[in-house]
Amino acid sequence: MTSPTTTAPAQDPAERMLRFHQPERVLRHLGPAPDETALAALFGLDRAGYRMRLDRFEERNRAAAAALAAEPGAAARLAGLPFRPGEHVVAVGESTTADRLSWFEILRHLLPEGVRCTNLAVSGSTTTQALANVPLLAFQRPDWVLCMLGANDVQRLDGVPLVAADETRRALRALRDLTVRRAGARWIWLTPTGVDPLRVEQYVHFRRAGLGWAGADLDAVAELLLAEPEVTVDTRAAARGHVEEDGVHLTPAGQQRVAAAVLDALGAPGAGLVRPEDLPGPAGPRP
């Protein structure tokens, strides 16, 4: 039996598109970065309407961060996070992370001043597409990478997964290994959040396109990540019941609960995030 699911208030179409798509992340690789007027036009907005919506997203992220900071025990979890001023934290992922109301956009407001955050997630990305972007990721010189990928690999088109399980495993490990080798980053995994199968089946746009997801496929990716040697944040329980009408994307409340899961996992004593300076002897330079 499917657990009860909460949904977000209805959004205007332009706001929903703007929430999950950041064309500037693609266009900046093709030439000079487009200005806000040009970006606004892509969503059928003028510059004022575009900026108003972006500011509104940011206000909601700040409010979600403040709510998490006010929860019992939050001060200790925040103090236990491994990120330090002067460090660069980069997120890699798909729409769950690219969402302008994502767990990462909330997390950035909870980190110490001086911690730089960059969100490289791209809606619709598979692990193989992310692997092709290793040069861009390494160029960022991240100190930490938070990686949440795999949900689009197990998306099924007329029942056929977009990416085979063995290729998902290979791409995820190669993405980590190449980035660590090139940039000396420390790596953290996040599992896919899961879906509401009934809502996915009933969502008209998925049905017309022959698209679907199976919970067992997503769980298989999660178990793969949990078996890796790095710390893995299991987001499935936190997000359960907090999906939009399509059964896949998280509501803002779901994103806030995923951010809380990240705080619980990374800020808890004994989280396993060993920093070089915590080891005996000289830490040595980053490559």
Foldseek 3Di string as FASTA:
>chain_A
DADAFDADPDDDPLLVCVQQADCQLVVVVVDPRDDQQVVQVVSVHGSVVSVVSLVVLLVLLQVLLVVQCPDPPLVLLLVQFPFDAQFEEEEEEARQQSGSLFLQSSVVNSHDPRYHYYYSYYHLDALVNLLVCLVVLLVVLHQEYEYEHDQQQQKDALHHGNHDPVVSLVSVVSSVVSSCVRRVHAYEYEAAQFWRQVLQCPPVVCVVRRIGHDRVSSVVRVVSRVPDPHQYQYLHVQQRSAAHSNRHHGHSSSSSSSNSSCSCQRRDPPSPPDDLVNDPDHSDDRD
